[in-house]
Amino acid sequence: MGIFDKIFGGKEKESAAATIEKPPCPHGVMVPRWDSIDDIGHDDKVSYFNCESCGEKFSPDEAKALRETAVDRLIGGNN
């Protein structure tokens, strides 16, 4: 432990920062993605949805379920 760590408590700051948890992503903006250029624009041919916030990918069925509960998750705060 260096002298500055002893004086300013540098190790304590590091351990406190490590315990902060990131809140779960609400997946509020999901963008459709297609495998084929010919399929673009056809809702029934979406390959997956990409969350703009966290980058997680969802199947069309998963995205539909998330859209159906969006109001509860985004406004109500209940997960």
N, C-alpha and C. Protein backbone atom coordinates (compact mmCIF):
# COMPACT_ATOMS: atom_id res chain seq x y z
N MET A 1 0.86 -1.17 0.00
CA MET A 1 0.00 0.00 0.00
C MET A 1 0.90 1.23 0.00
N GLY A 2 0.68 2.13 -0.95
CA GLY A 2 1.47 3.34 -1.05
C GLY A 2 1.03 4.40 -0.08
N ILE A 3 1.85 5.41 0.06
CA ILE A 3 1.55 6.47 1.01
C ILE A 3 0.30 7.25 0.62
N PHE A 4 0.09 7.43 -0.67
CA PHE A 4 -1.11 8.14 -1.09
C PHE A 4 -2.37 7.33 -0.81
N ASP A 5 -2.28 6.01 -0.92
CA ASP A 5 -3.41 5.16 -0.57
C ASP A 5 -3.73 5.27 0.91
N LYS A 6 -2.69 5.36 1.73
CA LYS A 6 -2.91 5.50 3.16
C LYS A 6 -3.54 6.84 3.50
N ILE A 7 -3.07 7.90 2.83
CA ILE A 7 -3.57 9.24 3.11
C ILE A 7 -4.98 9.44 2.56
N PHE A 8 -5.18 9.05 1.33
CA PHE A 8 -6.45 9.35 0.66
C PHE A 8 -7.42 8.17 0.62
N GLY A 9 -7.02 7.04 1.11
CA GLY A 9 -7.91 5.88 1.14
C GLY A 9 -8.26 5.35 -0.23
N GLY A 10 -7.29 5.26 -1.11
CA GLY A 10 -7.52 4.82 -2.48
C GLY A 10 -8.10 3.42 -2.59
N LYS A 11 -7.68 2.53 -1.74
CA LYS A 11 -8.18 1.15 -1.79
C LYS A 11 -9.65 1.09 -1.41
N GLU A 12 -10.07 1.93 -0.48
CA GLU A 12 -11.47 1.94 -0.07
C GLU A 12 -12.36 2.42 -1.22
N LYS A 13 -11.91 3.38 -1.98
CA LYS A 13 -12.69 3.89 -3.10
C LYS A 13 -12.87 2.81 -4.16
N GLU A 14 -11.81 2.06 -4.42
CA GLU A 14 -11.90 0.99 -5.41
C GLU A 14 -12.91 -0.06 -5.00
N SER A 15 -12.89 -0.48 -3.74
CA SER A 15 -13.80 -1.52 -3.30
C SER A 15 -15.24 -1.01 -3.26
N ALA A 16 -15.45 0.26 -2.95
CA ALA A 16 -16.80 0.82 -2.94
C ALA A 16 -17.35 0.90 -4.37
N ALA A 17 -16.52 1.27 -5.32
CA ALA A 17 -16.96 1.36 -6.71
C ALA A 17 -17.29 -0.02 -7.28
N ALA A 18 -16.61 -1.04 -6.82
CA ALA A 18 -16.84 -2.39 -7.34
C ALA A 18 -18.18 -2.95 -6.88
N THR A 19 -18.76 -2.42 -5.80
CA THR A 19 -20.01 -2.95 -5.29
C THR A 19 -21.24 -2.30 -5.92
N ILE A 20 -21.05 -1.24 -6.69
CA ILE A 20 -22.17 -0.58 -7.35
C ILE A 20 -22.65 -1.44 -8.50
N GLU A 21 -23.93 -1.78 -8.48
CA GLU A 21 -24.49 -2.63 -9.53
C GLU A 21 -25.25 -1.78 -10.54
N LYS A 22 -25.13 -2.16 -11.78
CA LYS A 22 -25.84 -1.48 -12.85
C LYS A 22 -27.29 -1.97 -12.84
N PRO A 23 -28.26 -1.05 -12.99
CA PRO A 23 -29.66 -1.50 -13.03
C PRO A 23 -29.92 -2.30 -14.30
N PRO A 24 -30.92 -3.17 -14.27
CA PRO A 24 -31.22 -3.97 -15.47
C PRO A 24 -31.69 -3.08 -16.62
N CYS A 25 -31.35 -3.46 -17.81
CA CYS A 25 -31.75 -2.71 -19.00
C CYS A 25 -33.25 -2.89 -19.23
N PRO A 26 -33.97 -1.80 -19.49
CA PRO A 26 -35.41 -1.92 -19.73
C PRO A 26 -35.75 -2.38 -21.15
N HIS A 27 -34.76 -2.46 -22.03
CA HIS A 27 -34.95 -2.87 -23.43
C HIS A 27 -36.07 -2.05 -24.08
N GLY A 28 -35.98 -0.74 -23.92
CA GLY A 28 -37.01 0.16 -24.42
C GLY A 28 -36.99 0.38 -25.92
N VAL A 29 -35.83 0.28 -26.55
CA VAL A 29 -35.73 0.49 -28.00
C VAL A 29 -35.10 -0.75 -28.62
N MET A 30 -35.93 -1.51 -29.33
CA MET A 30 -35.45 -2.71 -30.00
C MET A 30 -35.60 -2.53 -31.51
N VAL A 31 -34.51 -2.75 -32.22
CA VAL A 31 -34.47 -2.54 -33.66
C VAL A 31 -34.50 -3.89 -34.38
N PRO A 32 -35.40 -4.04 -35.35
CA PRO A 32 -35.45 -5.31 -36.08
C PRO A 32 -34.24 -5.48 -37.00
N ARG A 33 -33.80 -6.73 -37.15
CA ARG A 33 -32.68 -7.06 -38.03
C ARG A 33 -33.10 -8.25 -38.89
N TRP A 34 -32.66 -8.22 -40.14
CA TRP A 34 -32.98 -9.27 -41.09
C TRP A 34 -31.71 -9.92 -41.59
N ASP A 35 -31.79 -11.21 -41.95
CA ASP A 35 -30.63 -11.93 -42.49
C ASP A 35 -30.43 -11.63 -43.97
N SER A 36 -31.51 -11.36 -44.68
CA SER A 36 -31.43 -11.14 -46.11
C SER A 36 -31.89 -9.73 -46.45
N ILE A 37 -31.21 -9.13 -47.40
CA ILE A 37 -31.56 -7.78 -47.84
C ILE A 37 -32.95 -7.75 -48.47
N ASP A 38 -33.35 -8.85 -49.07
CA ASP A 38 -34.68 -8.95 -49.70
C ASP A 38 -35.81 -8.98 -48.66
N ASP A 39 -35.48 -9.36 -47.41
CA ASP A 39 -36.49 -9.48 -46.36
C ASP A 39 -36.73 -8.17 -45.62
N ILE A 40 -35.88 -7.19 -45.80
CA ILE A 40 -35.98 -5.93 -45.06
C ILE A 40 -37.35 -5.30 -45.28
N GLY A 41 -37.98 -4.93 -44.18
CA GLY A 41 -39.29 -4.30 -44.22
C GLY A 41 -40.44 -5.26 -44.03
N HIS A 42 -40.17 -6.55 -44.11
CA HIS A 42 -41.22 -7.56 -43.91
C HIS A 42 -41.19 -8.01 -42.45
N ASP A 43 -42.23 -7.60 -41.71
CA ASP A 43 -42.27 -7.92 -40.28
C ASP A 43 -42.25 -9.41 -39.98
N ASP A 44 -42.80 -10.20 -40.87
CA ASP A 44 -42.86 -11.64 -40.64
C ASP A 44 -41.52 -12.33 -40.93
N LYS A 45 -40.55 -11.61 -41.47
CA LYS A 45 -39.25 -12.21 -41.80
C LYS A 45 -38.10 -11.65 -40.96
N VAL A 46 -38.42 -10.98 -39.84
CA VAL A 46 -37.40 -10.44 -38.95
C VAL A 46 -36.62 -11.61 -38.33
N SER A 47 -35.30 -11.53 -38.38
CA SER A 47 -34.46 -12.59 -37.80
C SER A 47 -34.32 -12.44 -36.30
N TYR A 48 -34.09 -11.22 -35.84
CA TYR A 48 -33.96 -10.94 -34.42
C TYR A 48 -34.10 -9.43 -34.19
N PHE A 49 -34.27 -9.06 -32.94
CA PHE A 49 -34.33 -7.67 -32.54
C PHE A 49 -33.11 -7.37 -31.69
N ASN A 50 -32.52 -6.20 -31.89
CA ASN A 50 -31.34 -5.79 -31.16
C ASN A 50 -31.70 -4.63 -30.24
N CYS A 51 -31.40 -4.76 -28.94
CA CYS A 51 -31.66 -3.68 -27.99
C CYS A 51 -30.60 -2.61 -28.20
N GLU A 52 -31.04 -1.38 -28.44
CA GLU A 52 -30.12 -0.27 -28.68
C GLU A 52 -29.33 0.12 -27.44
N SER A 53 -29.86 -0.16 -26.25
CA SER A 53 -29.19 0.24 -25.01
C SER A 53 -28.06 -0.71 -24.61
N CYS A 54 -28.37 -1.99 -24.59
CA CYS A 54 -27.38 -2.95 -24.08
C CYS A 54 -26.80 -3.87 -25.14
N GLY A 55 -27.41 -3.90 -26.33
CA GLY A 55 -26.90 -4.74 -27.41
C GLY A 55 -27.38 -6.18 -27.39
N GLU A 56 -28.21 -6.52 -26.42
CA GLU A 56 -28.71 -7.90 -26.34
C GLU A 56 -29.64 -8.19 -27.52
N LYS A 57 -29.62 -9.43 -27.99
CA LYS A 57 -30.44 -9.85 -29.12
C LYS A 57 -31.62 -10.67 -28.62
N PHE A 58 -32.78 -10.46 -29.26
CA PHE A 58 -33.99 -11.17 -28.88
C PHE A 58 -34.66 -11.76 -30.11
N SER A 59 -35.23 -12.94 -29.95
CA SER A 59 -36.00 -13.55 -31.03
C SER A 59 -37.28 -12.74 -31.21
N PRO A 60 -37.95 -12.88 -32.35
CA PRO A 60 -39.21 -12.16 -32.53
C PRO A 60 -40.24 -12.43 -31.42
N ASP A 61 -40.31 -13.67 -30.94
CA ASP A 61 -41.25 -13.99 -29.86
C ASP A 61 -40.86 -13.31 -28.55
N GLU A 62 -39.57 -13.30 -28.25
CA GLU A 62 -39.10 -12.62 -27.04
C GLU A 62 -39.35 -11.12 -27.12
N ALA A 63 -39.11 -10.54 -28.28
CA ALA A 63 -39.34 -9.10 -28.47
C ALA A 63 -40.82 -8.77 -28.32
N LYS A 64 -41.69 -9.63 -28.82
CA LYS A 64 -43.13 -9.41 -28.69
C LYS A 64 -43.52 -9.41 -27.21
N ALA A 65 -43.00 -10.35 -26.45
CA ALA A 65 -43.31 -10.41 -25.01
C ALA A 65 -42.79 -9.16 -24.30
N LEU A 66 -41.61 -8.69 -24.68
CA LEU A 66 -41.06 -7.47 -24.06
C LEU A 66 -41.90 -6.25 -24.43
N ARG A 67 -42.38 -6.18 -25.66
CA ARG A 67 -43.23 -5.06 -26.07
C ARG A 67 -44.54 -5.05 -25.30
N GLU A 68 -45.08 -6.24 -25.04
CA GLU A 68 -46.36 -6.33 -24.33
C GLU A 68 -46.24 -5.88 -22.87
N THR A 69 -45.07 -5.99 -22.30
CA THR A 69 -44.87 -5.58 -20.90
C THR A 69 -44.07 -4.28 -20.78
N ALA A 70 -43.90 -3.58 -21.88
CA ALA A 70 -43.07 -2.37 -21.88
C ALA A 70 -43.57 -1.30 -20.93
N VAL A 71 -44.87 -1.06 -20.90
CA VAL A 71 -45.41 -0.01 -20.04
C VAL A 71 -45.13 -0.32 -18.57
N ASP A 72 -45.36 -1.55 -18.18
CA ASP A 72 -45.11 -1.95 -16.79
C ASP A 72 -43.63 -1.80 -16.43
N ARG A 73 -42.74 -2.21 -17.34
CA ARG A 73 -41.32 -2.16 -17.06
C ARG A 73 -40.76 -0.74 -17.09
N LEU A 74 -41.20 0.06 -18.05
CA LEU A 74 -40.61 1.39 -18.24
C LEU A 74 -41.22 2.44 -17.31
N ILE A 75 -42.52 2.41 -17.12
CA ILE A 75 -43.19 3.43 -16.33
C ILE A 75 -43.43 2.94 -14.90
N GLY A 76 -43.94 1.73 -14.79
CA GLY A 76 -44.27 1.20 -13.47
C GLY A 76 -43.07 0.82 -12.64
N GLY A 77 -41.97 0.50 -13.29
CA GLY A 77 -40.75 0.12 -12.58
C GLY A 77 -40.78 -1.29 -12.03
N ASN A 78 -41.82 -2.04 -12.31
CA ASN A 78 -41.89 -3.42 -11.85
C ASN A 78 -41.29 -4.33 -12.89
N ASN A 79 -40.31 -5.12 -12.48
CA ASN A 79 -39.66 -6.04 -13.43
C ASN A 79 -40.25 -7.40 -13.34
